[in-house]
C-alpha cells in the first residue's frame, strides 16, 4: 500500500482552547481528505510541574475531530509523553500532538513506486528559510533509525549537510 509522507505537529494552547480554536480546522482538513490522522494525543502541565497525558474527550468534548487510530499505523511515531518539546510548556497549558499522513501525495507516491522509485526524503521548509546543522543531522539520524534511509544514503546526506 502506498503511503504519503507522515508529519507531526506539536501545538500548545491555554487550558482547553483546542476544541474551539484548533479542532474545527483539523476537522476540515480530514473532511477534505487532504490528510489522514494517524495519532492525536494531548498533555497538560499540571500544578506542580508534572506533564500528564489528557484524554481526547476532555480536549474535544463534542468529538469535532473524527479520529480512530488506524490499523495500518506506521511504527515509530512520536509519543506525546516523550517529546522534549514539552519541557517549556507553561503550568496550566495543554499541548496536542497531531500526526498525519499527507493523502494528496499517495497517488504520486504510488506512481513513483510503480516506476521503480521510492520516497527518499520529505522535509518541511521552515518559515525562516533554513535549519541549523544540528537540527538537520537530528532529522537525518531519525530517518536512518526508522529504516527509511540505508547506511549509504545516511552517509551521503550527512556529508552533503556538513559540506553546506
N, C-alpha and C. Protein backbone atom coordinates (compact mmCIF):
# COMPACT_ATOMS: atom_id res chain seq x y z
N UNK A 1 0.84 -1.19 0.00
CA UNK A 1 0.00 0.00 0.00
C UNK A 1 0.87 1.24 0.00
N UNK A 2 0.62 2.17 -0.91
CA UNK A 2 1.37 3.42 -0.95
C UNK A 2 0.97 4.28 0.23
N UNK A 3 1.96 4.91 0.82
CA UNK A 3 1.72 5.78 1.97
C UNK A 3 2.31 7.14 1.64
N UNK A 4 1.56 8.18 1.95
CA UNK A 4 2.06 9.53 1.74
C UNK A 4 3.01 9.90 2.87
N UNK A 5 3.69 11.03 2.74
CA UNK A 5 4.59 11.48 3.79
C UNK A 5 3.83 11.65 5.12
N UNK A 6 4.50 11.31 6.20
CA UNK A 6 3.93 11.43 7.53
C UNK A 6 4.61 12.60 8.23
N UNK A 7 3.81 13.45 8.80
CA UNK A 7 4.32 14.62 9.51
C UNK A 7 3.68 14.71 10.88
N UNK A 8 4.31 15.48 11.76
CA UNK A 8 3.66 15.74 13.03
C UNK A 8 3.88 17.17 13.45
N UNK A 9 3.00 17.61 14.31
CA UNK A 9 2.98 18.98 14.80
C UNK A 9 2.66 18.91 16.28
N UNK A 10 3.37 19.70 17.06
CA UNK A 10 3.04 19.85 18.47
C UNK A 10 2.63 21.30 18.64
N UNK A 11 1.43 21.50 19.14
CA UNK A 11 0.91 22.85 19.32
C UNK A 11 0.45 23.01 20.77
N UNK A 12 0.79 24.14 21.36
CA UNK A 12 0.36 24.38 22.73
C UNK A 12 -0.76 25.42 22.72
N UNK A 13 -1.55 25.38 23.77
CA UNK A 13 -2.66 26.32 23.88
C UNK A 13 -3.06 26.40 25.35
N UNK A 14 -3.59 27.54 25.77
CA UNK A 14 -4.00 27.67 27.17
C UNK A 14 -5.26 26.85 27.45
N UNK A 15 -5.26 26.21 28.61
CA UNK A 15 -6.45 25.48 29.07
C UNK A 15 -7.03 24.54 28.05
N UNK A 16 -8.29 24.69 27.74
CA UNK A 16 -9.00 23.79 26.82
C UNK A 16 -9.31 24.41 25.48
N UNK A 17 -8.49 25.31 24.99
CA UNK A 17 -8.77 26.03 23.74
C UNK A 17 -8.69 25.17 22.49
N UNK A 18 -8.33 23.90 22.60
CA UNK A 18 -8.24 23.04 21.42
C UNK A 18 -9.57 22.97 20.69
N UNK A 19 -10.64 22.70 21.43
CA UNK A 19 -11.95 22.44 20.81
C UNK A 19 -12.50 23.65 20.07
N UNK A 20 -12.32 24.84 20.62
CA UNK A 20 -12.92 25.99 19.95
C UNK A 20 -12.00 26.64 18.91
N UNK A 21 -10.70 26.42 19.01
CA UNK A 21 -9.79 27.11 18.10
C UNK A 21 -9.13 26.19 17.07
N UNK A 22 -8.71 25.02 17.46
CA UNK A 22 -7.90 24.16 16.60
C UNK A 22 -8.73 23.04 15.97
N UNK A 23 -9.60 22.43 16.74
CA UNK A 23 -10.37 21.27 16.26
C UNK A 23 -11.14 21.54 14.97
N UNK A 24 -11.82 22.68 14.81
CA UNK A 24 -12.57 22.89 13.57
C UNK A 24 -11.69 22.89 12.32
N UNK A 25 -10.51 23.46 12.40
CA UNK A 25 -9.61 23.50 11.24
C UNK A 25 -9.08 22.10 10.94
N UNK A 26 -8.73 21.36 11.97
CA UNK A 26 -8.26 19.99 11.79
C UNK A 26 -9.37 19.11 11.22
N UNK A 27 -10.58 19.29 11.69
CA UNK A 27 -11.72 18.54 11.18
C UNK A 27 -11.94 18.83 9.69
N UNK A 28 -11.77 20.08 9.28
CA UNK A 28 -11.90 20.44 7.86
C UNK A 28 -10.84 19.74 7.01
N UNK A 29 -9.61 19.66 7.51
CA UNK A 29 -8.53 19.00 6.76
C UNK A 29 -8.84 17.52 6.57
N UNK A 30 -9.39 16.89 7.59
CA UNK A 30 -9.77 15.47 7.49
C UNK A 30 -10.94 15.32 6.52
N UNK A 31 -11.95 16.18 6.64
CA UNK A 31 -13.14 16.09 5.78
C UNK A 31 -12.79 16.29 4.31
N UNK A 32 -11.80 17.12 4.03
CA UNK A 32 -11.41 17.37 2.64
C UNK A 32 -10.57 16.23 2.07
N UNK A 33 -10.22 15.25 2.91
CA UNK A 33 -9.41 14.10 2.55
C UNK A 33 -8.00 14.50 2.12
N UNK A 34 -7.54 15.64 2.58
CA UNK A 34 -6.15 16.05 2.33
C UNK A 34 -5.20 15.31 3.26
N UNK A 35 -5.70 14.96 4.45
CA UNK A 35 -4.88 14.27 5.44
C UNK A 35 -5.66 13.14 6.08
N UNK A 36 -4.91 12.22 6.66
CA UNK A 36 -5.47 11.16 7.49
C UNK A 36 -4.72 11.24 8.82
N UNK A 37 -5.45 11.39 9.89
CA UNK A 37 -4.81 11.49 11.20
C UNK A 37 -4.37 10.10 11.64
N UNK A 38 -3.09 9.98 12.00
CA UNK A 38 -2.55 8.72 12.47
C UNK A 38 -2.47 8.67 13.99
N UNK A 39 -2.32 9.84 14.60
CA UNK A 39 -2.32 9.91 16.06
C UNK A 39 -2.74 11.30 16.48
N UNK A 40 -3.45 11.36 17.57
CA UNK A 40 -3.90 12.62 18.15
C UNK A 40 -3.88 12.42 19.65
N UNK A 41 -2.96 13.11 20.31
CA UNK A 41 -2.78 12.92 21.75
C UNK A 41 -2.63 14.28 22.42
N UNK A 42 -2.97 14.33 23.69
CA UNK A 42 -2.94 15.57 24.45
C UNK A 42 -2.18 15.39 25.76
N UNK A 43 -1.57 16.48 26.20
CA UNK A 43 -0.90 16.51 27.51
C UNK A 43 -1.12 17.88 28.12
N UNK A 44 -0.91 17.94 29.43
CA UNK A 44 -1.07 19.20 30.16
C UNK A 44 0.01 19.26 31.23
N UNK A 45 0.51 20.47 31.49
CA UNK A 45 1.40 20.66 32.62
C UNK A 45 0.52 21.03 33.80
N UNK A 46 0.48 20.14 34.77
CA UNK A 46 -0.37 20.32 35.95
C UNK A 46 0.32 21.25 36.95
N UNK A 47 -0.45 21.70 37.92
CA UNK A 47 0.13 22.47 39.01
C UNK A 47 1.19 21.59 39.66
N UNK A 48 2.33 22.15 39.92
CA UNK A 48 3.43 21.37 40.45
C UNK A 48 4.43 20.97 39.39
N UNK A 49 4.09 21.16 38.12
CA UNK A 49 5.06 20.97 37.05
C UNK A 49 5.05 19.66 36.29
N UNK A 50 4.29 18.67 36.74
CA UNK A 50 4.29 17.38 36.05
C UNK A 50 3.50 17.46 34.75
N UNK A 51 4.04 16.82 33.70
CA UNK A 51 3.32 16.72 32.43
C UNK A 51 2.53 15.42 32.46
N UNK A 52 1.21 15.54 32.23
CA UNK A 52 0.35 14.36 32.27
C UNK A 52 -0.43 14.25 30.98
N UNK A 53 -0.66 13.02 30.54
CA UNK A 53 -1.47 12.81 29.35
C UNK A 53 -2.92 13.10 29.68
N UNK A 54 -3.65 13.65 28.71
CA UNK A 54 -5.05 14.03 28.88
C UNK A 54 -5.87 13.26 27.85
N UNK A 55 -7.03 12.79 28.25
CA UNK A 55 -7.91 12.06 27.33
C UNK A 55 -8.45 13.00 26.24
N UNK A 56 -8.60 12.45 25.04
CA UNK A 56 -9.12 13.22 23.91
C UNK A 56 -10.48 13.82 24.21
N UNK A 57 -11.34 13.09 24.88
CA UNK A 57 -12.69 13.56 25.18
C UNK A 57 -12.71 14.82 26.02
N UNK A 58 -11.68 15.03 26.81
CA UNK A 58 -11.61 16.25 27.62
C UNK A 58 -11.24 17.46 26.76
N UNK A 59 -10.40 17.27 25.77
CA UNK A 59 -9.97 18.38 24.91
C UNK A 59 -10.91 18.62 23.74
N UNK A 60 -11.63 17.59 23.32
CA UNK A 60 -12.56 17.69 22.19
C UNK A 60 -13.87 17.04 22.60
N UNK A 61 -14.59 17.66 23.58
CA UNK A 61 -15.78 17.01 24.13
C UNK A 61 -16.90 16.77 23.12
N UNK A 62 -16.98 17.60 22.08
CA UNK A 62 -18.04 17.39 21.07
C UNK A 62 -17.60 16.40 19.99
N UNK A 63 -16.38 15.92 20.06
CA UNK A 63 -15.89 14.99 19.03
C UNK A 63 -15.81 15.63 17.66
N UNK A 64 -15.36 16.88 17.61
CA UNK A 64 -15.28 17.60 16.35
C UNK A 64 -14.31 16.95 15.37
N UNK A 65 -13.22 16.38 15.89
CA UNK A 65 -12.21 15.76 15.03
C UNK A 65 -12.48 14.26 14.98
N UNK A 66 -12.92 13.76 13.81
CA UNK A 66 -13.17 12.32 13.71
C UNK A 66 -11.84 11.58 13.71
N UNK A 67 -11.61 10.76 14.73
CA UNK A 67 -10.34 10.05 14.82
C UNK A 67 -10.51 8.71 15.49
N UNK A 68 -10.14 7.67 14.77
CA UNK A 68 -9.98 6.32 15.29
C UNK A 68 -8.59 5.90 14.84
N UNK A 69 -7.73 5.50 15.76
CA UNK A 69 -6.38 5.09 15.33
C UNK A 69 -6.46 4.05 14.23
N UNK A 70 -5.77 4.26 13.11
CA UNK A 70 -5.84 3.31 12.00
C UNK A 70 -5.13 2.00 12.33
N UNK A 71 -5.60 0.92 11.74
CA UNK A 71 -4.97 -0.39 11.94
C UNK A 71 -3.58 -0.45 11.30
N UNK A 72 -3.38 0.30 10.21
CA UNK A 72 -2.11 0.26 9.49
C UNK A 72 -1.18 1.40 9.89
N UNK A 73 -1.29 1.84 11.11
CA UNK A 73 -0.48 2.95 11.62
C UNK A 73 1.00 2.59 11.57
N UNK A 74 1.84 3.46 10.96
CA UNK A 74 3.27 3.17 10.87
C UNK A 74 3.92 3.08 12.25
N UNK A 75 4.95 2.26 12.34
CA UNK A 75 5.71 2.13 13.59
C UNK A 75 6.61 3.36 13.76
N UNK A 76 7.02 3.62 14.97
CA UNK A 76 7.99 4.67 15.24
C UNK A 76 7.43 6.07 15.34
N UNK A 77 6.11 6.21 15.47
CA UNK A 77 5.53 7.54 15.60
C UNK A 77 5.89 8.12 16.97
N UNK A 78 6.04 9.43 17.07
CA UNK A 78 6.37 10.03 18.37
C UNK A 78 5.24 9.87 19.37
N UNK A 79 5.58 9.85 20.63
CA UNK A 79 4.60 9.78 21.72
C UNK A 79 4.65 11.09 22.48
N UNK A 80 3.49 11.64 22.81
CA UNK A 80 3.43 12.97 23.41
C UNK A 80 4.17 13.03 24.75
N UNK A 81 4.15 11.97 25.51
CA UNK A 81 4.79 11.99 26.82
C UNK A 81 6.31 11.90 26.72
N UNK A 82 6.84 11.64 25.53
CA UNK A 82 8.28 11.52 25.34
C UNK A 82 8.88 12.69 24.57
N UNK A 83 8.10 13.72 24.31
CA UNK A 83 8.58 14.83 23.49
C UNK A 83 9.32 15.86 24.33
N UNK A 84 10.55 16.14 23.96
CA UNK A 84 11.32 17.19 24.62
C UNK A 84 10.71 18.56 24.40
N UNK A 85 9.90 18.70 23.35
CA UNK A 85 9.27 19.99 23.04
C UNK A 85 8.37 20.46 24.17
N UNK A 86 7.93 19.55 25.03
CA UNK A 86 7.00 19.93 26.10
C UNK A 86 7.72 20.44 27.35
N UNK A 87 9.05 20.44 27.33
CA UNK A 87 9.79 20.90 28.51
C UNK A 87 9.44 22.34 28.88
N UNK A 88 9.17 23.17 27.89
CA UNK A 88 8.84 24.57 28.15
C UNK A 88 7.36 24.86 28.27
N UNK A 89 6.53 23.83 28.35
CA UNK A 89 5.09 24.02 28.44
C UNK A 89 4.74 24.68 29.77
N UNK A 90 4.11 25.86 29.74
CA UNK A 90 3.77 26.56 30.99
C UNK A 90 2.72 25.81 31.80
N UNK A 91 2.77 26.00 33.10
CA UNK A 91 1.79 25.39 34.00
C UNK A 91 0.38 25.83 33.59
N UNK A 92 -0.55 24.89 33.56
CA UNK A 92 -1.93 25.19 33.19
C UNK A 92 -2.19 25.16 31.69
N UNK A 93 -1.14 25.02 30.89
CA UNK A 93 -1.31 24.95 29.44
C UNK A 93 -1.38 23.51 28.99
N UNK A 94 -1.93 23.33 27.82
CA UNK A 94 -2.05 21.99 27.24
C UNK A 94 -1.32 21.97 25.90
N UNK A 95 -1.09 20.76 25.41
CA UNK A 95 -0.44 20.59 24.11
C UNK A 95 -1.11 19.45 23.38
N UNK A 96 -1.12 19.54 22.08
CA UNK A 96 -1.64 18.47 21.23
C UNK A 96 -0.52 17.99 20.33
N UNK A 97 -0.42 16.68 20.19
CA UNK A 97 0.45 16.06 19.21
C UNK A 97 -0.46 15.56 18.10
N UNK A 98 -0.25 16.08 16.91
CA UNK A 98 -1.07 15.68 15.76
C UNK A 98 -0.13 15.05 14.74
N UNK A 99 -0.34 13.77 14.44
CA UNK A 99 0.46 13.06 13.45
C UNK A 99 -0.47 12.75 12.29
N UNK A 100 -0.05 13.11 11.08
CA UNK A 100 -0.93 12.89 9.94
C UNK A 100 -0.16 12.40 8.73
N UNK A 101 -0.90 11.76 7.84
CA UNK A 101 -0.38 11.34 6.55
C UNK A 101 -0.93 12.30 5.50
N UNK A 102 -0.07 12.77 4.63
CA UNK A 102 -0.49 13.64 3.53
C UNK A 102 -1.11 12.78 2.44
N UNK A 103 -2.43 12.73 2.40
CA UNK A 103 -3.12 11.87 1.43
C UNK A 103 -3.03 12.37 0.00
N UNK A 104 -2.91 13.67 -0.19
CA UNK A 104 -2.85 14.19 -1.55
C UNK A 104 -1.69 13.59 -2.32
N UNK A 105 -0.63 13.17 -1.61
CA UNK A 105 0.57 12.69 -2.30
C UNK A 105 0.59 11.18 -2.51
N UNK A 106 -0.42 10.46 -2.01
CA UNK A 106 -0.44 9.00 -2.16
C UNK A 106 -0.42 8.59 -3.63
N UNK A 107 -1.24 9.18 -4.51
CA UNK A 107 -1.16 8.78 -5.93
C UNK A 107 0.22 9.04 -6.53
N UNK A 108 0.85 10.14 -6.16
CA UNK A 108 2.19 10.44 -6.66
C UNK A 108 3.19 9.40 -6.16
N UNK A 109 3.11 9.03 -4.90
CA UNK A 109 4.00 8.01 -4.33
C UNK A 109 3.79 6.67 -5.03
N UNK A 110 2.53 6.32 -5.25
CA UNK A 110 2.20 5.04 -5.91
C UNK A 110 2.82 4.98 -7.30
N UNK A 111 2.67 6.04 -8.09
CA UNK A 111 3.21 6.08 -9.45
C UNK A 111 4.74 5.99 -9.40
N UNK A 112 5.35 6.70 -8.46
CA UNK A 112 6.82 6.65 -8.34
C UNK A 112 7.28 5.23 -8.02
N UNK A 113 6.58 4.54 -7.11
CA UNK A 113 6.95 3.17 -6.75
C UNK A 113 6.77 2.22 -7.93
N UNK A 114 5.69 2.41 -8.68
CA UNK A 114 5.45 1.57 -9.86
C UNK A 114 6.52 1.78 -10.92
N UNK A 115 7.12 2.96 -10.94
CA UNK A 115 8.19 3.26 -11.90
C UNK A 115 9.56 2.83 -11.36
N UNK A 116 9.56 2.17 -10.18
CA UNK A 116 10.82 1.70 -9.61
C UNK A 116 11.45 2.67 -8.63
N UNK A 117 10.81 3.77 -8.38
CA UNK A 117 11.35 4.76 -7.44
C UNK A 117 10.78 4.55 -6.05
N UNK A 118 11.23 5.39 -5.14
CA UNK A 118 10.68 5.36 -3.78
C UNK A 118 10.86 6.73 -3.15
N UNK A 119 10.05 7.01 -2.16
CA UNK A 119 10.13 8.27 -1.45
C UNK A 119 11.40 8.26 -0.62
N UNK A 120 12.35 9.11 -0.95
CA UNK A 120 13.64 9.13 -0.27
C UNK A 120 13.67 10.14 0.86
N UNK A 121 13.07 11.30 0.66
CA UNK A 121 13.09 12.32 1.70
C UNK A 121 11.87 13.20 1.56
N UNK A 122 11.44 13.71 2.66
CA UNK A 122 10.35 14.68 2.69
C UNK A 122 10.63 15.60 3.85
N UNK A 123 10.90 16.82 3.59
CA UNK A 123 11.22 17.79 4.63
C UNK A 123 10.33 19.01 4.48
N UNK A 124 10.07 19.66 5.57
CA UNK A 124 9.34 20.92 5.55
C UNK A 124 10.36 22.05 5.51
N UNK A 125 10.11 23.03 4.68
CA UNK A 125 10.96 24.21 4.64
C UNK A 125 10.49 25.13 5.75
N UNK A 126 11.38 25.44 6.70
CA UNK A 126 10.98 26.30 7.82
C UNK A 126 10.59 27.69 7.36
N UNK A 127 9.73 28.33 8.12
CA UNK A 127 9.26 29.67 7.78
C UNK A 127 10.40 30.67 7.65
N UNK A 128 11.48 30.47 8.43
CA UNK A 128 12.60 31.41 8.36
C UNK A 128 13.56 31.07 7.23
N UNK A 129 13.27 30.01 6.46
CA UNK A 129 14.07 29.69 5.29
C UNK A 129 15.20 28.71 5.53
N UNK A 130 15.46 28.28 6.74
CA UNK A 130 16.56 27.35 6.94
C UNK A 130 16.56 26.72 8.32
N UNK A 131 17.34 25.68 8.44
CA UNK A 131 17.53 24.98 9.70
C UNK A 131 19.00 25.02 10.06
N UNK A 132 19.29 24.90 11.34
CA UNK A 132 20.68 24.80 11.72
C UNK A 132 21.16 23.38 11.45
N UNK A 133 22.46 23.18 11.38
CA UNK A 133 23.06 21.90 11.04
C UNK A 133 22.64 20.81 12.03
N UNK A 134 22.59 21.14 13.31
CA UNK A 134 22.23 20.15 14.33
C UNK A 134 20.82 19.60 14.07
N UNK A 135 19.88 20.48 13.79
CA UNK A 135 18.50 20.04 13.53
C UNK A 135 18.44 19.14 12.31
N UNK A 136 19.17 19.51 11.25
CA UNK A 136 19.17 18.68 10.04
C UNK A 136 19.79 17.31 10.32
N UNK A 137 20.87 17.27 11.08
CA UNK A 137 21.50 15.99 11.40
C UNK A 137 20.60 15.12 12.29
N UNK A 138 19.89 15.76 13.22
CA UNK A 138 18.95 15.01 14.06
C UNK A 138 17.84 14.39 13.22
N UNK A 139 17.31 15.16 12.27
CA UNK A 139 16.26 14.63 11.39
C UNK A 139 16.79 13.47 10.55
N UNK A 140 18.02 13.64 10.05
CA UNK A 140 18.64 12.60 9.24
C UNK A 140 18.83 11.32 10.06
N UNK A 141 19.31 11.46 11.29
CA UNK A 141 19.51 10.30 12.17
C UNK A 141 18.18 9.61 12.45
N UNK A 142 17.12 10.39 12.60
CA UNK A 142 15.79 9.81 12.83
C UNK A 142 15.35 8.99 11.63
N UNK A 143 15.58 9.50 10.41
CA UNK A 143 15.22 8.75 9.21
C UNK A 143 15.98 7.43 9.13
N UNK A 144 17.26 7.46 9.50
CA UNK A 144 18.07 6.23 9.49
C UNK A 144 17.56 5.26 10.55
N UNK A 145 17.28 5.76 11.73
CA UNK A 145 16.81 4.91 12.83
C UNK A 145 15.48 4.24 12.47
N UNK A 146 14.61 4.95 11.75
CA UNK A 146 13.31 4.39 11.37
C UNK A 146 13.41 3.48 10.15
N UNK A 147 14.62 3.32 9.60
CA UNK A 147 14.81 2.43 8.47
C UNK A 147 14.44 3.02 7.13
N UNK A 148 14.23 4.32 7.09
CA UNK A 148 13.86 4.98 5.84
C UNK A 148 15.09 5.18 4.96
N UNK A 149 16.24 5.44 5.59
CA UNK A 149 17.50 5.61 4.86
C UNK A 149 18.42 4.44 5.15
N UNK A 150 19.15 4.00 4.11
CA UNK A 150 20.18 2.99 4.30
C UNK A 150 21.41 3.67 4.89
N UNK A 151 22.40 2.87 5.31
CA UNK A 151 23.65 3.44 5.83
C UNK A 151 24.32 4.32 4.78
N UNK A 152 24.31 3.86 3.54
CA UNK A 152 24.95 4.62 2.45
C UNK A 152 24.23 5.95 2.21
N UNK A 153 22.89 5.90 2.18
CA UNK A 153 22.12 7.13 1.98
C UNK A 153 22.34 8.10 3.13
N UNK A 154 22.37 7.56 4.35
CA UNK A 154 22.62 8.40 5.53
C UNK A 154 23.97 9.09 5.41
N UNK A 155 25.01 8.33 5.07
CA UNK A 155 26.36 8.90 4.96
C UNK A 155 26.43 9.97 3.89
N UNK A 156 25.80 9.70 2.75
CA UNK A 156 25.83 10.69 1.66
C UNK A 156 25.13 11.99 2.06
N UNK A 157 23.95 11.87 2.69
CA UNK A 157 23.21 13.07 3.11
C UNK A 157 23.93 13.81 4.22
N UNK A 158 24.56 13.07 5.13
CA UNK A 158 25.31 13.69 6.22
C UNK A 158 26.49 14.49 5.65
N UNK A 159 27.18 13.92 4.69
CA UNK A 159 28.29 14.62 4.03
C UNK A 159 27.80 15.89 3.35
N UNK A 160 26.64 15.79 2.69
CA UNK A 160 26.09 16.96 2.00
C UNK A 160 25.74 18.07 3.00
N UNK A 161 25.12 17.70 4.11
CA UNK A 161 24.72 18.69 5.11
C UNK A 161 25.95 19.37 5.71
N UNK A 162 26.96 18.59 6.02
CA UNK A 162 28.16 19.15 6.64
C UNK A 162 28.98 20.00 5.66
N UNK A 163 28.82 19.72 4.36
CA UNK A 163 29.56 20.48 3.34
C UNK A 163 28.90 21.83 3.05
N UNK A 164 27.60 21.94 3.31
CA UNK A 164 26.88 23.20 3.02
C UNK A 164 27.25 24.31 3.97
